Amino acid sequence: MGQFNDRVERQRLLLEAEEWAQTVKFIQMHSLTSMWYDTEESAKEIEENGAVTDTALNSGLIFRRRNDKLIHTFGKELKGQELIDSYTQHTS
């Protein structure tokens, strides 16, 4: 049964990491057009329509809302080994 210990441990870490990924990393309310993740299009949208709320998850995704309406999603969602690596870096 020892041969399965690594698989069981990886699955345990993956389940923990998937739960951690859905927690909030930060929330920012702003009208800046120079966020590191902004695109030319998203910066122009702020200039035209004003302040937004950005919510970043540990998964790597950032959700931009205005008046509780999702207007843009940034980032790449971490999955599999990338997610486990990020999780273990932040929890050790």
PDB file of N, CA and C in Angstrom:
ATOM      1  N   MET A   1       0.817  -1.200   0.000  1.00  0.00           N
ATOM      2  CA  MET A   1       0.000   0.000   0.000  1.00  0.00           C
ATOM      3  C   MET A   1       0.861   1.264   0.000  1.00  0.00           C
ATOM      4  N   GLY A   2       2.115   1.130   0.388  1.00  0.00           N
ATOM      5  CA  GLY A   2       3.009   2.272   0.415  1.00  0.00           C
ATOM      6  C   GLY A   2       3.166   2.964  -0.926  1.00  0.00           C
ATOM      7  N   GLN A   3       2.967   2.221  -2.022  1.00  0.00           N
ATOM      8  CA  GLN A   3       3.130   2.814  -3.341  1.00  0.00           C
ATOM      9  C   GLN A   3       2.086   3.876  -3.636  1.00  0.00           C
ATOM     10  N   PHE A   4       0.995   3.911  -2.890  1.00  0.00           N
ATOM     11  CA  PHE A   4      -0.071   4.882  -3.147  1.00  0.00           C
ATOM     12  C   PHE A   4       0.023   6.119  -2.250  1.00  0.00           C
ATOM     13  N   ASN A   5       0.959   6.117  -1.308  1.00  0.00           N
ATOM     14  CA  ASN A   5       1.081   7.239  -0.379  1.00  0.00           C
ATOM     15  C   ASN A   5       1.279   8.563  -1.095  1.00  0.00           C
ATOM     16  N   ASP A   6       2.115   8.603  -2.130  1.00  0.00           N
ATOM     17  CA  ASP A   6       2.361   9.843  -2.871  1.00  0.00           C
ATOM     18  C   ASP A   6       1.098  10.328  -3.574  1.00  0.00           C
ATOM     19  N   ARG A   7       0.358   9.418  -4.153  1.00  0.00           N
ATOM     20  CA  ARG A   7      -0.891   9.788  -4.837  1.00  0.00           C
ATOM     21  C   ARG A   7      -1.925  10.321  -3.847  1.00  0.00           C
ATOM     22  N   VAL A   8      -2.037   9.663  -2.721  1.00  0.00           N
ATOM     23  CA  VAL A   8      -2.995  10.091  -1.694  1.00  0.00           C
ATOM     24  C   VAL A   8      -2.612  11.475  -1.175  1.00  0.00           C
ATOM     25  N   GLU A   9      -1.316  11.687  -0.923  1.00  0.00           N
ATOM     26  CA  GLU A   9      -0.850  12.988  -0.434  1.00  0.00           C
ATOM     27  C   GLU A   9      -1.089  14.079  -1.472  1.00  0.00           C
ATOM     28  N   ARG A  10      -0.830  13.798  -2.760  1.00  0.00           N
ATOM     29  CA  ARG A  10      -1.069  14.790  -3.808  1.00  0.00           C
ATOM     30  C   ARG A  10      -2.544  15.139  -3.883  1.00  0.00           C
ATOM     31  N   GLN A  11      -3.411  14.140  -3.798  1.00  0.00           N
ATOM     32  CA  GLN A  11      -4.856  14.403  -3.855  1.00  0.00           C
ATOM     33  C   GLN A  11      -5.302  15.234  -2.653  1.00  0.00           C
ATOM     34  N   ARG A  12      -4.746  14.940  -1.473  1.00  0.00           N
ATOM     35  CA  ARG A  12      -5.070  15.714  -0.272  1.00  0.00           C
ATOM     36  C   ARG A  12      -4.663  17.174  -0.478  1.00  0.00           C
ATOM     37  N   LEU A  13      -3.442  17.377  -0.991  1.00  0.00           N
ATOM     38  CA  LEU A  13      -2.975  18.748  -1.244  1.00  0.00           C
ATOM     39  C   LEU A  13      -3.830  19.441  -2.295  1.00  0.00           C
ATOM     40  N   LEU A  14      -4.210  18.716  -3.331  1.00  0.00           N
ATOM     41  CA  LEU A  14      -5.032  19.306  -4.381  1.00  0.00           C
ATOM     42  C   LEU A  14      -6.386  19.756  -3.831  1.00  0.00           C
ATOM     43  N   LEU A  15      -7.008  18.943  -3.004  1.00  0.00           N
ATOM     44  CA  LEU A  15      -8.298  19.319  -2.414  1.00  0.00           C
ATOM     45  C   LEU A  15      -8.155  20.549  -1.516  1.00  0.00           C
ATOM     46  N   GLU A  16      -7.106  20.592  -0.717  1.00  0.00           N
ATOM     47  CA  GLU A  16      -6.859  21.765   0.129  1.00  0.00           C
ATOM     48  C   GLU A  16      -6.608  22.997  -0.738  1.00  0.00           C
ATOM     49  N   ALA A  17      -5.811  22.836  -1.785  1.00  0.00           N
ATOM     50  CA  ALA A  17      -5.472  23.954  -2.670  1.00  0.00           C
ATOM     51  C   ALA A  17      -6.696  24.476  -3.405  1.00  0.00           C
ATOM     52  N   GLU A  18      -7.581  23.588  -3.831  1.00  0.00           N
ATOM     53  CA  GLU A  18      -8.805  24.021  -4.525  1.00  0.00           C
ATOM     54  C   GLU A  18      -9.692  24.839  -3.604  1.00  0.00           C
ATOM     55  N   GLU A  19      -9.751  24.482  -2.348  1.00  0.00           N
ATOM     56  CA  GLU A  19     -10.534  25.279  -1.382  1.00  0.00           C
ATOM     57  C   GLU A  19      -9.856  26.625  -1.149  1.00  0.00           C
ATOM     58  N   TRP A  20      -8.551  26.617  -0.960  1.00  0.00           N
ATOM     59  CA  TRP A  20      -7.776  27.845  -0.752  1.00  0.00           C
ATOM     60  C   TRP A  20      -7.905  28.777  -1.954  1.00  0.00           C
ATOM     61  N   ALA A  21      -7.948  28.204  -3.156  1.00  0.00           N
ATOM     62  CA  ALA A  21      -8.010  28.999  -4.390  1.00  0.00           C
ATOM     63  C   ALA A  21      -9.248  29.879  -4.452  1.00  0.00           C
ATOM     64  N   GLN A  22     -10.325  29.472  -3.807  1.00  0.00           N
ATOM     65  CA  GLN A  22     -11.583  30.225  -3.861  1.00  0.00           C
ATOM     66  C   GLN A  22     -11.674  31.323  -2.804  1.00  0.00           C
ATOM     67  N   THR A  23     -10.647  31.452  -1.961  1.00  0.00           N
ATOM     68  CA  THR A  23     -10.677  32.505  -0.947  1.00  0.00           C
ATOM     69  C   THR A  23     -10.113  33.800  -1.517  1.00  0.00           C
ATOM     70  N   VAL A  24     -10.540  34.911  -0.942  1.00  0.00           N
ATOM     71  CA  VAL A  24     -10.159  36.240  -1.431  1.00  0.00           C
ATOM     72  C   VAL A  24      -8.730  36.568  -1.004  1.00  0.00           C
ATOM     73  N   LYS A  25      -7.956  37.006  -1.974  1.00  0.00           N
ATOM     74  CA  LYS A  25      -6.581  37.453  -1.739  1.00  0.00           C
ATOM     75  C   LYS A  25      -6.572  38.941  -1.405  1.00  0.00           C
ATOM     76  N   PHE A  26      -7.329  39.728  -2.172  1.00  0.00           N
ATOM     77  CA  PHE A  26      -7.480  41.152  -1.881  1.00  0.00           C
ATOM     78  C   PHE A  26      -8.710  41.709  -2.587  1.00  0.00           C
ATOM     79  N   ILE A  27      -9.183  42.847  -2.060  1.00  0.00           N
ATOM     80  CA  ILE A  27     -10.267  43.613  -2.678  1.00  0.00           C
ATOM     81  C   ILE A  27      -9.790  45.049  -2.760  1.00  0.00           C
ATOM     82  N   GLN A  28      -9.955  45.661  -3.926  1.00  0.00           N
ATOM     83  CA  GLN A  28      -9.560  47.055  -4.125  1.00  0.00           C
ATOM     84  C   GLN A  28     -10.691  47.811  -4.786  1.00  0.00           C
ATOM     85  N   MET A  29     -11.001  48.952  -4.248  1.00  0.00           N
ATOM     86  CA  MET A  29     -11.956  49.866  -4.876  1.00  0.00           C
ATOM     87  C   MET A  29     -11.120  51.040  -5.383  1.00  0.00           C
ATOM     88  N   HIS A  30     -11.219  51.312  -6.681  1.00  0.00           N
ATOM     89  CA  HIS A  30     -10.336  52.335  -7.250  1.00  0.00           C
ATOM     90  C   HIS A  30     -10.878  52.841  -8.587  1.00  0.00           C
ATOM     91  N   SER A  31     -10.200  53.889  -9.061  1.00  0.00           N
ATOM     92  CA  SER A  31     -10.452  54.388 -10.407  1.00  0.00           C
ATOM     93  C   SER A  31      -9.120  54.550 -11.144  1.00  0.00           C
ATOM     94  N   LEU A  32      -8.150  53.728 -10.774  1.00  0.00           N
ATOM     95  CA  LEU A  32      -6.838  53.754 -11.406  1.00  0.00           C
ATOM     96  C   LEU A  32      -6.883  53.040 -12.756  1.00  0.00           C
ATOM     97  N   THR A  33      -6.068  53.501 -13.664  1.00  0.00           N
ATOM     98  CA  THR A  33      -5.984  52.858 -14.980  1.00  0.00           C
ATOM     99  C   THR A  33      -4.612  52.217 -15.184  1.00  0.00           C
ATOM    100  N   SER A  34      -3.867  52.063 -14.098  1.00  0.00           N
ATOM    101  CA  SER A  34      -2.495  51.564 -14.211  1.00  0.00           C
ATOM    102  C   SER A  34      -2.249  50.295 -13.393  1.00  0.00           C
ATOM    103  N   MET A  35      -3.288  49.523 -13.132  1.00  0.00           N
ATOM    104  CA  MET A  35      -3.093  48.276 -12.410  1.00  0.00           C
ATOM    105  C   MET A  35      -2.264  47.334 -13.275  1.00  0.00           C
ATOM    106  N   TRP A  36      -1.463  46.504 -12.667  1.00  0.00           N
ATOM    107  CA  TRP A  36      -0.552  45.631 -13.424  1.00  0.00           C
ATOM    108  C   TRP A  36      -1.290  44.692 -14.362  1.00  0.00           C
ATOM    109  N   TYR A  37      -2.541  44.437 -14.076  1.00  0.00           N
ATOM    110  CA  TYR A  37      -3.315  43.494 -14.893  1.00  0.00           C
ATOM    111  C   TYR A  37      -4.251  44.191 -15.873  1.00  0.00           C
ATOM    112  N   ASP A  38      -4.289  45.518 -15.853  1.00  0.00           N
ATOM    113  CA  ASP A  38      -5.168  46.247 -16.765  1.00  0.00           C
ATOM    114  C   ASP A  38      -4.729  46.086 -18.211  1.00  0.00           C
ATOM    115  N   THR A  39      -5.706  46.112 -19.072  1.00  0.00           N
ATOM    116  CA  THR A  39      -5.446  46.129 -20.511  1.00  0.00           C
ATOM    117  C   THR A  39      -5.774  47.537 -21.004  1.00  0.00           C
ATOM    118  N   GLU A  40      -5.426  47.816 -22.217  1.00  0.00           N
ATOM    119  CA  GLU A  40      -5.759  49.115 -22.804  1.00  0.00           C
ATOM    120  C   GLU A  40      -7.276  49.323 -22.782  1.00  0.00           C
ATOM    121  N   GLU A  41      -7.991  48.271 -23.111  1.00  0.00           N
ATOM    122  CA  GLU A  41      -9.460  48.323 -23.135  1.00  0.00           C
ATOM    123  C   GLU A  41     -10.045  48.553 -21.731  1.00  0.00           C
ATOM    124  N   SER A  42      -9.533  47.841 -20.731  1.00  0.00           N
ATOM    125  CA  SER A  42     -10.088  47.991 -19.379  1.00  0.00           C
ATOM    126  C   SER A  42      -9.743  49.352 -18.778  1.00  0.00           C
ATOM    127  N   ALA A  43      -8.560  49.871 -19.100  1.00  0.00           N
ATOM    128  CA  ALA A  43      -8.186  51.202 -18.616  1.00  0.00           C
ATOM    129  C   ALA A  43      -9.095  52.265 -19.230  1.00  0.00           C
ATOM    130  N   LYS A  44      -9.366  52.140 -20.515  1.00  0.00           N
ATOM    131  CA  LYS A  44     -10.257  53.096 -21.185  1.00  0.00           C
ATOM    132  C   LYS A  44     -11.661  53.029 -20.588  1.00  0.00           C
ATOM    133  N   GLU A  45     -12.099  51.821 -20.254  1.00  0.00           N
ATOM    134  CA  GLU A  45     -13.436  51.646 -19.671  1.00  0.00           C
ATOM    135  C   GLU A  45     -13.544  52.381 -18.333  1.00  0.00           C
ATOM    136  N   ILE A  46     -12.485  52.346 -17.532  1.00  0.00           N
ATOM    137  CA  ILE A  46     -12.481  53.078 -16.258  1.00  0.00           C
ATOM    138  C   ILE A  46     -12.501  54.580 -16.499  1.00  0.00           C
ATOM    139  N   GLU A  47     -11.713  55.041 -17.464  1.00  0.00           N
ATOM    140  CA  GLU A  47     -11.696  56.473 -17.781  1.00  0.00           C
ATOM    141  C   GLU A  47     -13.090  56.967 -18.161  1.00  0.00           C
ATOM    142  N   GLU A  48     -13.819  56.151 -18.892  1.00  0.00           N
ATOM    143  CA  GLU A  48     -15.144  56.538 -19.365  1.00  0.00           C
ATOM    144  C   GLU A  48     -16.238  56.385 -18.310  1.00  0.00           C
ATOM    145  N   ASN A  49     -16.141  55.345 -17.458  1.00  0.00           N
ATOM    146  CA  ASN A  49     -17.257  55.012 -16.566  1.00  0.00           C
ATOM    147  C   ASN A  49     -16.966  55.102 -15.080  1.00  0.00           C
ATOM    148  N   GLY A  50     -15.726  55.347 -14.677  1.00  0.00           N
ATOM    149  CA  GLY A  50     -15.423  55.578 -13.278  1.00  0.00           C
ATOM    150  C   GLY A  50     -15.021  54.349 -12.477  1.00  0.00           C
ATOM    151  N   ALA A  51     -15.086  54.506 -11.175  1.00  0.00           N
ATOM    152  CA  ALA A  51     -14.535  53.562 -10.200  1.00  0.00           C
ATOM    153  C   ALA A  51     -15.090  52.145 -10.326  1.00  0.00           C
ATOM    154  N   VAL A  52     -14.233  51.183  -9.917  1.00  0.00           N
ATOM    155  CA  VAL A  52     -14.562  49.767  -9.965  1.00  0.00           C
ATOM    156  C   VAL A  52     -14.126  49.110  -8.658  1.00  0.00           C
ATOM    157  N   THR A  53     -14.563  47.880  -8.468  1.00  0.00           N
ATOM    158  CA  THR A  53     -14.094  47.046  -7.361  1.00  0.00           C
ATOM    159  C   THR A  53     -13.464  45.803  -7.964  1.00  0.00           C
ATOM    160  N   ASP A  54     -12.188  45.586  -7.634  1.00  0.00           N
ATOM    161  CA  ASP A  54     -11.475  44.405  -8.105  1.00  0.00           C
ATOM    162  C   ASP A  54     -11.334  43.427  -6.943  1.00  0.00           C
ATOM    163  N   THR A  55     -11.721  42.196  -7.165  1.00  0.00           N
ATOM    164  CA  THR A  55     -11.593  41.144  -6.160  1.00  0.00           C
ATOM    165  C   THR A  55     -10.697  40.053  -6.732  1.00  0.00           C
ATOM    166  N   ALA A  56      -9.562  39.834  -6.065  1.00  0.00           N
ATOM    167  CA  ALA A  56      -8.618  38.808  -6.506  1.00  0.00           C
ATOM    168  C   ALA A  56      -8.760  37.578  -5.623  1.00  0.00           C
ATOM    169  N   LEU A  57      -8.777  36.437  -6.259  1.00  0.00           N
ATOM    170  CA  LEU A  57      -8.814  35.165  -5.543  1.00  0.00           C
ATOM    171  C   LEU A  57      -7.424  34.528  -5.571  1.00  0.00           C
ATOM    172  N   ASN A  58      -7.179  33.644  -4.644  1.00  0.00           N
ATOM    173  CA  ASN A  58      -5.914  32.927  -4.626  1.00  0.00           C
ATOM    174  C   ASN A  58      -5.728  32.063  -5.869  1.00  0.00           C
ATOM    175  N   SER A  59      -6.790  31.816  -6.606  1.00  0.00           N
ATOM    176  CA  SER A  59      -6.725  30.995  -7.818  1.00  0.00           C
ATOM    177  C   SER A  59      -5.984  31.686  -8.953  1.00  0.00           C
ATOM    178  N   GLY A  60      -5.758  32.993  -8.837  1.00  0.00           N
ATOM    179  CA  GLY A  60      -5.119  33.750  -9.908  1.00  0.00           C
ATOM    180  C   GLY A  60      -6.086  34.614 -10.695  1.00  0.00           C
ATOM    181  N   LEU A  61      -7.378  34.460 -10.445  1.00  0.00           N
ATOM    182  CA  LEU A  61      -8.379  35.259 -11.155  1.00  0.00           C
ATOM    183  C   LEU A  61      -8.677  36.548 -10.404  1.00  0.00           C
ATOM    184  N   ILE A  62      -8.960  37.600 -11.169  1.00  0.00           N
ATOM    185  CA  ILE A  62      -9.364  38.891 -10.620  1.00  0.00           C
ATOM    186  C   ILE A  62     -10.670  39.273 -11.302  1.00  0.00           C
ATOM    187  N   PHE A  63     -11.686  39.550 -10.490  1.00  0.00           N
ATOM    188  CA  PHE A  63     -13.001  39.913 -11.007  1.00  0.00           C
ATOM    189  C   PHE A  63     -13.221  41.402 -10.792  1.00  0.00           C
ATOM    190  N   ARG A  64     -13.540  42.107 -11.869  1.00  0.00           N
ATOM    191  CA  ARG A  64     -13.800  43.552 -11.805  1.00  0.00           C
ATOM    192  C   ARG A  64     -15.298  43.778 -11.903  1.00  0.00           C
ATOM    193  N   ARG A  65     -15.813  44.536 -10.927  1.00  0.00           N
ATOM    194  CA  ARG A  65     -17.245  44.831 -10.887  1.00  0.00           C
ATOM    195  C   ARG A  65     -17.473  46.326 -10.736  1.00  0.00           C
ATOM    196  N   ARG A  66     -18.610  46.723 -11.226  1.00  0.00           N
ATOM    197  CA  ARG A  66     -19.109  48.077 -11.002  1.00  0.00           C
ATOM    198  C   ARG A  66     -20.579  47.918 -10.678  1.00  0.00           C
ATOM    199  N   ASN A  67     -20.984  48.503  -9.552  1.00  0.00           N
ATOM    200  CA  ASN A  67     -22.379  48.406  -9.107  1.00  0.00           C
ATOM    201  C   ASN A  67     -22.852  46.940  -9.074  1.00  0.00           C
ATOM    202  N   ASP A  68     -22.017  46.081  -8.516  1.00  0.00           N
ATOM    203  CA  ASP A  68     -22.312  44.651  -8.370  1.00  0.00           C
ATOM    204  C   ASP A  68     -22.481  43.901  -9.681  1.00  0.00           C
ATOM    205  N   LYS A  69     -22.089  44.491 -10.790  1.00  0.00           N
ATOM    206  CA  LYS A  69     -22.167  43.818 -12.085  1.00  0.00           C
ATOM    207  C   LYS A  69     -20.748  43.482 -12.551  1.00  0.00           C
ATOM    208  N   LEU A  70     -20.503  42.216 -12.873  1.00  0.00           N
ATOM    209  CA  LEU A  70     -19.203  41.789 -13.373  1.00  0.00           C
ATOM    210  C   LEU A  70     -18.969  42.405 -14.748  1.00  0.00           C
ATOM    211  N   ILE A  71     -17.849  43.140 -14.877  1.00  0.00           N
ATOM    212  CA  ILE A  71     -17.563  43.772 -16.160  1.00  0.00           C
ATOM    213  C   ILE A  71     -16.301  43.220 -16.819  1.00  0.00           C
ATOM    214  N   HIS A  72     -15.433  42.548 -16.038  1.00  0.00           N
ATOM    215  CA  HIS A  72     -14.216  41.997 -16.641  1.00  0.00           C
ATOM    216  C   HIS A  72     -13.595  40.966 -15.708  1.00  0.00           C
ATOM    217  N   THR A  73     -12.952  39.974 -16.293  1.00  0.00           N
ATOM    218  CA  THR A  73     -12.188  38.984 -15.539  1.00  0.00           C
ATOM    219  C   THR A  73     -10.767  38.984 -16.074  1.00  0.00           C
ATOM    220  N   PHE A  74      -9.806  39.059 -15.155  1.00  0.00           N
ATOM    221  CA  PHE A  74      -8.389  39.063 -15.509  1.00  0.00           C
ATOM    222  C   PHE A  74      -7.725  37.804 -14.969  1.00  0.00           C
ATOM    223  N   GLY A  75      -6.591  37.479 -15.524  1.00  0.00           N
ATOM    224  CA  GLY A  75      -5.754  36.424 -14.980  1.00  0.00           C
ATOM    225  C   GLY A  75      -6.001  35.061 -15.588  1.00  0.00           C
ATOM    226  N   LYS A  76      -5.198  34.133 -15.112  1.00  0.00           N
ATOM    227  CA  LYS A  76      -5.274  32.746 -15.538  1.00  0.00           C
ATOM    228  C   LYS A  76      -5.498  31.910 -14.282  1.00  0.00           C
ATOM    229  N   GLU A  77      -6.523  31.092 -14.303  1.00  0.00           N
ATOM    230  CA  GLU A  77      -6.841  30.267 -13.138  1.00  0.00           C
ATOM    231  C   GLU A  77      -5.829  29.138 -13.014  1.00  0.00           C
ATOM    232  N   LEU A  78      -5.193  29.081 -11.851  1.00  0.00           N
ATOM    233  CA  LEU A  78      -4.242  28.006 -11.592  1.00  0.00           C
ATOM    234  C   LEU A  78      -4.987  26.698 -11.386  1.00  0.00           C
ATOM    235  N   LYS A  79      -4.426  25.627 -11.934  1.00  0.00           N
ATOM    236  CA  LYS A  79      -5.030  24.300 -11.794  1.00  0.00           C
ATOM    237  C   LYS A  79      -3.926  23.267 -11.634  1.00  0.00           C
ATOM    238  N   GLY A  80      -4.294  22.108 -11.132  1.00  0.00           N
ATOM    239  CA  GLY A  80      -3.373  20.983 -11.038  1.00  0.00           C
ATOM    240  C   GLY A  80      -2.117  21.300 -10.253  1.00  0.00           C
ATOM    241  N   GLN A  81      -0.979  20.911 -10.813  1.00  0.00           N
ATOM    242  CA  GLN A  81       0.292  21.071 -10.107  1.00  0.00           C
ATOM    243  C   GLN A  81       0.640  22.539  -9.879  1.00  0.00           C
ATOM    244  N   GLU A  82       0.298  23.423 -10.827  1.00  0.00           N
ATOM    245  CA  GLU A  82       0.547  24.862 -10.616  1.00  0.00           C
ATOM    246  C   GLU A  82      -0.193  25.366  -9.381  1.00  0.00           C
ATOM    247  N   LEU A  83      -1.418  24.929  -9.198  1.00  0.00           N
ATOM    248  CA  LEU A  83      -2.200  25.331  -8.035  1.00  0.00           C
ATOM    249  C   LEU A  83      -1.583  24.780  -6.758  1.00  0.00           C
ATOM    250  N   ILE A  84      -1.204  23.518  -6.770  1.00  0.00           N
ATOM    251  CA  ILE A  84      -0.574  22.919  -5.590  1.00  0.00           C
ATOM    252  C   ILE A  84       0.715  23.661  -5.239  1.00  0.00           C
ATOM    253  N   ASP A  85       1.526  23.978  -6.241  1.00  0.00           N
ATOM    254  CA  ASP A  85       2.782  24.700  -5.996  1.00  0.00           C
ATOM    255  C   ASP A  85       2.522  26.062  -5.367  1.00  0.00           C
ATOM    256  N   SER A  86       1.555  26.806  -5.889  1.00  0.00           N
ATOM    257  CA  SER A  86       1.225  28.125  -5.333  1.00  0.00           C
ATOM    258  C   SER A  86       0.709  27.991  -3.906  1.00  0.00           C
ATOM    259  N   TYR A  87      -0.147  27.021  -3.687  1.00  0.00           N
ATOM    260  CA  TYR A  87      -0.703  26.777  -2.351  1.00  0.00           C
ATOM    261  C   TYR A  87       0.398  26.462  -1.352  1.00  0.00           C
ATOM    262  N   THR A  88       1.292  25.563  -1.704  1.00  0.00           N
ATOM    263  CA  THR A  88       2.332  25.168  -0.757  1.00  0.00           C
ATOM    264  C   THR A  88       3.313  26.308  -0.509  1.00  0.00           C
ATOM    265  N   GLN A  89       3.556  27.178  -1.495  1.00  0.00           N
ATOM    266  CA  GLN A  89       4.423  28.337  -1.301  1.00  0.00           C
ATOM    267  C   GLN A  89       3.807  29.313  -0.306  1.00  0.00           C
ATOM    268  N   HIS A  90       2.478  29.503  -0.372  1.00  0.00           N
ATOM    269  CA  HIS A  90       1.825  30.492   0.478  1.00  0.00           C
ATOM    270  C   HIS A  90       1.452  29.961   1.853  1.00  0.00           C
ATOM    271  N   THR A  91       1.490  28.670   2.037  1.00  0.00           N
ATOM    272  CA  THR A  91       1.083  28.120   3.333  1.00  0.00           C
ATOM    273  C   THR A  91       2.237  27.557   4.134  1.00  0.00           C
ATOM    274  N   SER A  92       3.455  27.598   3.574  1.00  0.00           N
ATOM    275  CA  SER A  92       4.569  27.048   4.347  1.00  0.00           C
ATOM    276  C   SER A  92       5.323  28.117   5.094  1.00  0.00           C
TER     277      SER A  92
END
